[in-house]
Amino acid sequence: MGIWLGPNGIEVEALVMNDRPCLRITRLVGGKRTLVADCADVREVSRYVDLAELVMADDDERQRFGHVTA
């Protein structure tokens, strides 16, 4: 669907869980990705990350933000 990157290893991924849309927030810590929250909408995501700091993921942005490529 879509992945957005933020500072400090934050990654927000749009996905479907149990036939419902979900925004999964994870953080890269010590080389391992850990779950922060599964959110039902963008308002919930804003509790965990400043939405203005998120950028759409591509290879250049993944490198710039220090995210590990899959």
PDB file of N, CA and C in Angstrom:
ATOM      1  N   MET A   1       0.827  -1.177   0.000  1.00  0.00           N
ATOM      2  CA  MET A   1       0.000   0.000   0.000  1.00  0.00           C
ATOM      3  C   MET A   1       0.876   1.246   0.000  1.00  0.00           C
ATOM      4  N   GLY A   2       1.426   1.606   1.161  1.00  0.00           N
ATOM      5  CA  GLY A   2       2.288   2.764   1.228  1.00  0.00           C
ATOM      6  C   GLY A   2       3.098   2.758   2.502  1.00  0.00           C
ATOM      7  N   ILE A   3       4.289   3.340   2.426  1.00  0.00           N
ATOM      8  CA  ILE A   3       5.160   3.437   3.595  1.00  0.00           C
ATOM      9  C   ILE A   3       5.676   4.860   3.680  1.00  0.00           C
ATOM     10  N   TRP A   4       5.608   5.428   4.877  1.00  0.00           N
ATOM     11  CA  TRP A   4       6.132   6.760   5.140  1.00  0.00           C
ATOM     12  C   TRP A   4       7.208   6.650   6.202  1.00  0.00           C
ATOM     13  N   LEU A   5       8.241   7.452   6.062  1.00  0.00           N
ATOM     14  CA  LEU A   5       9.377   7.429   6.985  1.00  0.00           C
ATOM     15  C   LEU A   5       9.418   8.708   7.795  1.00  0.00           C
ATOM     16  N   GLY A   6       9.910   8.574   9.006  1.00  0.00           N
ATOM     17  CA  GLY A   6      10.090   9.721   9.878  1.00  0.00           C
ATOM     18  C   GLY A   6      11.436   9.633  10.573  1.00  0.00           C
ATOM     19  N   PRO A   7      11.756  10.654  11.334  1.00  0.00           N
ATOM     20  CA  PRO A   7      13.035  10.658  12.048  1.00  0.00           C
ATOM     21  C   PRO A   7      13.082   9.579  13.133  1.00  0.00           C
ATOM     22  N   ASN A   8      14.279   9.294  13.587  1.00  0.00           N
ATOM     23  CA  ASN A   8      14.494   8.340  14.680  1.00  0.00           C
ATOM     24  C   ASN A   8      13.996   6.935  14.360  1.00  0.00           C
ATOM     25  N   GLY A   9      14.073   6.540  13.071  1.00  0.00           N
ATOM     26  CA  GLY A   9      13.725   5.178  12.699  1.00  0.00           C
ATOM     27  C   GLY A   9      12.241   4.883  12.605  1.00  0.00           C
ATOM     28  N   ILE A  10      11.409   5.911  12.661  1.00  0.00           N
ATOM     29  CA  ILE A  10       9.957   5.703  12.581  1.00  0.00           C
ATOM     30  C   ILE A  10       9.560   5.325  11.165  1.00  0.00           C
ATOM     31  N   GLU A  11       8.667   4.344  11.060  1.00  0.00           N
ATOM     32  CA  GLU A  11       8.114   3.935   9.783  1.00  0.00           C
ATOM     33  C   GLU A  11       6.618   3.715   9.973  1.00  0.00           C
ATOM     34  N   VAL A  12       5.820   4.285   9.078  1.00  0.00           N
ATOM     35  CA  VAL A  12       4.368   4.119   9.115  1.00  0.00           C
ATOM     36  C   VAL A  12       3.972   3.392   7.838  1.00  0.00           C
ATOM     37  N   GLU A  13       3.321   2.263   7.991  1.00  0.00           N
ATOM     38  CA  GLU A  13       2.941   1.447   6.844  1.00  0.00           C
ATOM     39  C   GLU A  13       1.428   1.289   6.802  1.00  0.00           C
ATOM     40  N   ALA A  14       0.837   1.581   5.649  1.00  0.00           N
ATOM     41  CA  ALA A  14      -0.591   1.358   5.448  1.00  0.00           C
ATOM     42  C   ALA A  14      -0.795  -0.083   5.020  1.00  0.00           C
ATOM     43  N   LEU A  15      -1.640  -0.797   5.739  1.00  0.00           N
ATOM     44  CA  LEU A  15      -1.896  -2.191   5.420  1.00  0.00           C
ATOM     45  C   LEU A  15      -3.318  -2.560   5.797  1.00  0.00           C
ATOM     46  N   VAL A  16      -3.706  -3.785   5.512  1.00  0.00           N
ATOM     47  CA  VAL A  16      -5.036  -4.281   5.855  1.00  0.00           C
ATOM     48  C   VAL A  16      -4.873  -5.445   6.821  1.00  0.00           C
ATOM     49  N   MET A  17      -5.573  -5.346   7.947  1.00  0.00           N
ATOM     50  CA  MET A  17      -5.561  -6.418   8.949  1.00  0.00           C
ATOM     51  C   MET A  17      -7.003  -6.792   9.257  1.00  0.00           C
ATOM     52  N   ASN A  18      -7.317  -8.067   9.148  1.00  0.00           N
ATOM     53  CA  ASN A  18      -8.681  -8.537   9.409  1.00  0.00           C
ATOM     54  C   ASN A  18      -9.706  -7.773   8.582  1.00  0.00           C
ATOM     55  N   ASP A  19      -9.384  -7.552   7.309  1.00  0.00           N
ATOM     56  CA  ASP A  19     -10.250  -6.861   6.358  1.00  0.00           C
ATOM     57  C   ASP A  19     -10.509  -5.394   6.716  1.00  0.00           C
ATOM     58  N   ARG A  20      -9.659  -4.797   7.539  1.00  0.00           N
ATOM     59  CA  ARG A  20      -9.796  -3.383   7.904  1.00  0.00           C
ATOM     60  C   ARG A  20      -8.483  -2.653   7.647  1.00  0.00           C
ATOM     61  N   PRO A  21      -8.564  -1.401   7.186  1.00  0.00           N
ATOM     62  CA  PRO A  21      -7.330  -0.635   6.994  1.00  0.00           C
ATOM     63  C   PRO A  21      -6.656  -0.356   8.333  1.00  0.00           C
ATOM     64  N   CYS A  22      -5.342  -0.339   8.304  1.00  0.00           N
ATOM     65  CA  CYS A  22      -4.563  -0.125   9.522  1.00  0.00           C
ATOM     66  C   CYS A  22      -3.302   0.655   9.156  1.00  0.00           C
ATOM     67  N   LEU A  23      -2.876   1.501  10.045  1.00  0.00           N
ATOM     68  CA  LEU A  23      -1.607   2.204   9.895  1.00  0.00           C
ATOM     69  C   LEU A  23      -0.689   1.700  11.004  1.00  0.00           C
ATOM     70  N   ARG A  24       0.323   0.921  10.624  1.00  0.00           N
ATOM     71  CA  ARG A  24       1.235   0.316  11.590  1.00  0.00           C
ATOM     72  C   ARG A  24       2.457   1.208  11.755  1.00  0.00           C
ATOM     73  N   ILE A  25       2.743   1.565  12.994  1.00  0.00           N
ATOM     74  CA  ILE A  25       3.915   2.377  13.313  1.00  0.00           C
ATOM     75  C   ILE A  25       4.960   1.473  13.945  1.00  0.00           C
ATOM     76  N   THR A  26       6.163   1.495  13.367  1.00  0.00           N
ATOM     77  CA  THR A  26       7.281   0.757  13.934  1.00  0.00           C
ATOM     78  C   THR A  26       8.470   1.701  14.067  1.00  0.00           C
ATOM     79  N   ARG A  27       9.440   1.281  14.874  1.00  0.00           N
ATOM     80  CA  ARG A  27      10.656   2.074  15.069  1.00  0.00           C
ATOM     81  C   ARG A  27      11.853   1.137  14.984  1.00  0.00           C
ATOM     82  N   LEU A  28      12.889   1.592  14.291  1.00  0.00           N
ATOM     83  CA  LEU A  28      14.126   0.836  14.180  1.00  0.00           C
ATOM     84  C   LEU A  28      14.980   1.141  15.404  1.00  0.00           C
ATOM     85  N   VAL A  29      15.237   0.098  16.208  1.00  0.00           N
ATOM     86  CA  VAL A  29      16.019   0.253  17.429  1.00  0.00           C
ATOM     87  C   VAL A  29      17.096  -0.827  17.444  1.00  0.00           C
ATOM     88  N   GLY A  30      18.348  -0.415  17.437  1.00  0.00           N
ATOM     89  CA  GLY A  30      19.443  -1.379  17.482  1.00  0.00           C
ATOM     90  C   GLY A  30      19.431  -2.354  16.318  1.00  0.00           C
ATOM     91  N   GLY A  31      19.016  -1.881  15.146  1.00  0.00           N
ATOM     92  CA  GLY A  31      18.986  -2.734  13.970  1.00  0.00           C
ATOM     93  C   GLY A  31      17.769  -3.625  13.872  1.00  0.00           C
ATOM     94  N   LYS A  32      16.861  -3.553  14.854  1.00  0.00           N
ATOM     95  CA  LYS A  32      15.643  -4.366  14.836  1.00  0.00           C
ATOM     96  C   LYS A  32      14.418  -3.458  14.824  1.00  0.00           C
ATOM     97  N   ARG A  33      13.413  -3.859  14.057  1.00  0.00           N
ATOM     98  CA  ARG A  33      12.189  -3.086  13.954  1.00  0.00           C
ATOM     99  C   ARG A  33      11.231  -3.533  15.053  1.00  0.00           C
ATOM    100  N   THR A  34      10.746  -2.593  15.859  1.00  0.00           N
ATOM    101  CA  THR A  34       9.827  -2.916  16.944  1.00  0.00           C
ATOM    102  C   THR A  34       8.494  -2.207  16.720  1.00  0.00           C
ATOM    103  N   LEU A  35       7.419  -2.859  17.100  1.00  0.00           N
ATOM    104  CA  LEU A  35       6.082  -2.309  16.945  1.00  0.00           C
ATOM    105  C   LEU A  35       5.849  -1.204  17.962  1.00  0.00           C
ATOM    106  N   VAL A  36       5.365  -0.072  17.487  1.00  0.00           N
ATOM    107  CA  VAL A  36       4.985   1.032  18.362  1.00  0.00           C
ATOM    108  C   VAL A  36       3.478   1.003  18.566  1.00  0.00           C
ATOM    109  N   ALA A  37       2.717   0.938  17.460  1.00  0.00           N
ATOM    110  CA  ALA A  37       1.253   0.927  17.555  1.00  0.00           C
ATOM    111  C   ALA A  37       0.640   0.539  16.225  1.00  0.00           C
ATOM    112  N   ASP A  38      -0.561  -0.004  16.293  1.00  0.00           N
ATOM    113  CA  ASP A  38      -1.415  -0.189  15.128  1.00  0.00           C
ATOM    114  C   ASP A  38      -2.556   0.814  15.288  1.00  0.00           C
ATOM    115  N   CYS A  39      -2.715   1.683  14.303  1.00  0.00           N
ATOM    116  CA  CYS A  39      -3.681   2.775  14.402  1.00  0.00           C
ATOM    117  C   CYS A  39      -4.783   2.620  13.368  1.00  0.00           C
ATOM    118  N   ALA A  40      -5.990   3.038  13.751  1.00  0.00           N
ATOM    119  CA  ALA A  40      -7.136   2.953  12.857  1.00  0.00           C
ATOM    120  C   ALA A  40      -7.193   4.123  11.884  1.00  0.00           C
ATOM    121  N   ASP A  41      -6.592   5.258  12.265  1.00  0.00           N
ATOM    122  CA  ASP A  41      -6.655   6.431  11.391  1.00  0.00           C
ATOM    123  C   ASP A  41      -5.457   7.349  11.639  1.00  0.00           C
ATOM    124  N   VAL A  42      -5.362   8.368  10.807  1.00  0.00           N
ATOM    125  CA  VAL A  42      -4.228   9.296  10.863  1.00  0.00           C
ATOM    126  C   VAL A  42      -4.198  10.070  12.178  1.00  0.00           C
ATOM    127  N   ARG A  43      -5.351  10.366  12.723  1.00  0.00           N
ATOM    128  CA  ARG A  43      -5.402  11.080  14.006  1.00  0.00           C
ATOM    129  C   ARG A  43      -4.667  10.289  15.092  1.00  0.00           C
ATOM    130  N   GLU A  44      -4.855   8.985  15.095  1.00  0.00           N
ATOM    131  CA  GLU A  44      -4.138   8.146  16.061  1.00  0.00           C
ATOM    132  C   GLU A  44      -2.635   8.178  15.800  1.00  0.00           C
ATOM    133  N   VAL A  45      -2.244   8.134  14.531  1.00  0.00           N
ATOM    134  CA  VAL A  45      -0.823   8.176  14.183  1.00  0.00           C
ATOM    135  C   VAL A  45      -0.189   9.445  14.738  1.00  0.00           C
ATOM    136  N   SER A  46      -0.919  10.554  14.685  1.00  0.00           N
ATOM    137  CA  SER A  46      -0.368  11.839  15.142  1.00  0.00           C
ATOM    138  C   SER A  46      -0.056  11.854  16.630  1.00  0.00           C
ATOM    139  N   ARG A  47      -0.565  10.904  17.378  1.00  0.00           N
ATOM    140  CA  ARG A  47      -0.219  10.791  18.805  1.00  0.00           C
ATOM    141  C   ARG A  47       1.216  10.305  19.003  1.00  0.00           C
ATOM    142  N   TYR A  48       1.737   9.617  17.978  1.00  0.00           N
ATOM    143  CA  TYR A  48       3.048   8.991  18.087  1.00  0.00           C
ATOM    144  C   TYR A  48       4.139   9.684  17.275  1.00  0.00           C
ATOM    145  N   VAL A  49       3.742  10.406  16.210  1.00  0.00           N
ATOM    146  CA  VAL A  49       4.729  11.011  15.325  1.00  0.00           C
ATOM    147  C   VAL A  49       4.152  12.304  14.743  1.00  0.00           C
ATOM    148  N   ASP A  50       5.021  13.286  14.539  1.00  0.00           N
ATOM    149  CA  ASP A  50       4.622  14.534  13.893  1.00  0.00           C
ATOM    150  C   ASP A  50       4.390  14.249  12.411  1.00  0.00           C
ATOM    151  N   LEU A  51       3.164  14.354  11.967  1.00  0.00           N
ATOM    152  CA  LEU A  51       2.819  14.016  10.588  1.00  0.00           C
ATOM    153  C   LEU A  51       3.580  14.859   9.577  1.00  0.00           C
ATOM    154  N   ALA A  52       3.936  16.070   9.937  1.00  0.00           N
ATOM    155  CA  ALA A  52       4.664  16.967   9.032  1.00  0.00           C
ATOM    156  C   ALA A  52       6.075  16.456   8.742  1.00  0.00           C
ATOM    157  N   GLU A  53       6.594  15.564   9.572  1.00  0.00           N
ATOM    158  CA  GLU A  53       7.944  15.040   9.384  1.00  0.00           C
ATOM    159  C   GLU A  53       7.982  13.767   8.544  1.00  0.00           C
ATOM    160  N   LEU A  54       6.818  13.220   8.203  1.00  0.00           N
ATOM    161  CA  LEU A  54       6.775  11.984   7.425  1.00  0.00           C
ATOM    162  C   LEU A  54       6.970  12.267   5.943  1.00  0.00           C
ATOM    163  N   VAL A  55       7.728  11.394   5.284  1.00  0.00           N
ATOM    164  CA  VAL A  55       7.926  11.474   3.834  1.00  0.00           C
ATOM    165  C   VAL A  55       7.654  10.097   3.243  1.00  0.00           C
ATOM    166  N   MET A  56       7.163  10.084   2.007  1.00  0.00           N
ATOM    167  CA  MET A  56       6.903   8.818   1.317  1.00  0.00           C
ATOM    168  C   MET A  56       8.219   8.083   1.100  1.00  0.00           C
ATOM    169  N   ALA A  57       8.202   6.802   1.368  1.00  0.00           N
ATOM    170  CA  ALA A  57       9.427   6.008   1.275  1.00  0.00           C
ATOM    171  C   ALA A  57       9.793   5.714  -0.174  1.00  0.00           C
ATOM    172  N   ASP A  58      11.048   5.951  -0.495  1.00  0.00           N
ATOM    173  CA  ASP A  58      11.681   5.450  -1.706  1.00  0.00           C
ATOM    174  C   ASP A  58      13.120   5.165  -1.303  1.00  0.00           C
ATOM    175  N   ASP A  59      13.917   4.609  -2.178  1.00  0.00           N
ATOM    176  CA  ASP A  59      15.272   4.214  -1.797  1.00  0.00           C
ATOM    177  C   ASP A  59      16.099   5.387  -1.274  1.00  0.00           C
ATOM    178  N   ASP A  60      15.979   6.567  -1.904  1.00  0.00           N
ATOM    179  CA  ASP A  60      16.742   7.734  -1.456  1.00  0.00           C
ATOM    180  C   ASP A  60      16.321   8.172  -0.058  1.00  0.00           C
ATOM    181  N   GLU A  61      15.019   8.212   0.174  1.00  0.00           N
ATOM    182  CA  GLU A  61      14.524   8.628   1.491  1.00  0.00           C
ATOM    183  C   GLU A  61      14.881   7.594   2.556  1.00  0.00           C
ATOM    184  N   ARG A  62      14.818   6.302   2.214  1.00  0.00           N
ATOM    185  CA  ARG A  62      15.181   5.271   3.189  1.00  0.00           C
ATOM    186  C   ARG A  62      16.629   5.453   3.629  1.00  0.00           C
ATOM    187  N   GLN A  63      17.501   5.769   2.681  1.00  0.00           N
ATOM    188  CA  GLN A  63      18.902   5.973   3.006  1.00  0.00           C
ATOM    189  C   GLN A  63      19.074   7.255   3.821  1.00  0.00           C
ATOM    190  N   ARG A  64      18.404   8.315   3.428  1.00  0.00           N
ATOM    191  CA  ARG A  64      18.527   9.605   4.113  1.00  0.00           C
ATOM    192  C   ARG A  64      18.058   9.502   5.569  1.00  0.00           C
ATOM    193  N   PHE A  65      17.003   8.744   5.800  1.00  0.00           N
ATOM    194  CA  PHE A  65      16.476   8.615   7.146  1.00  0.00           C
ATOM    195  C   PHE A  65      17.132   7.476   7.933  1.00  0.00           C
ATOM    196  N   GLY A  66      18.064   6.746   7.284  1.00  0.00           N
ATOM    197  CA  GLY A  66      18.789   5.698   7.988  1.00  0.00           C
ATOM    198  C   GLY A  66      18.015   4.419   8.166  1.00  0.00           C
ATOM    199  N   HIS A  67      17.019   4.173   7.309  1.00  0.00           N
ATOM    200  CA  HIS A  67      16.234   2.950   7.404  1.00  0.00           C
ATOM    201  C   HIS A  67      16.916   1.840   6.609  1.00  0.00           C
ATOM    202  N   VAL A  68      16.761   0.647   7.107  1.00  0.00           N
ATOM    203  CA  VAL A  68      17.351  -0.518   6.446  1.00  0.00           C
ATOM    204  C   VAL A  68      16.439  -0.912   5.290  1.00  0.00           C
ATOM    205  N   THR A  69      17.015  -1.124   4.113  1.00  0.00           N
ATOM    206  CA  THR A  69      16.213  -1.565   2.978  1.00  0.00           C
ATOM    207  C   THR A  69      15.949  -3.050   3.089  1.00  0.00           C
ATOM    208  N   ALA A  70      14.768  -3.462   2.644  1.00  0.00           N
ATOM    209  CA  ALA A  70      14.383  -4.874   2.743  1.00  0.00           C
ATOM    210  C   ALA A  70      15.038  -5.697   1.665  1.00  0.00           C
TER     211      ALA A  70
END
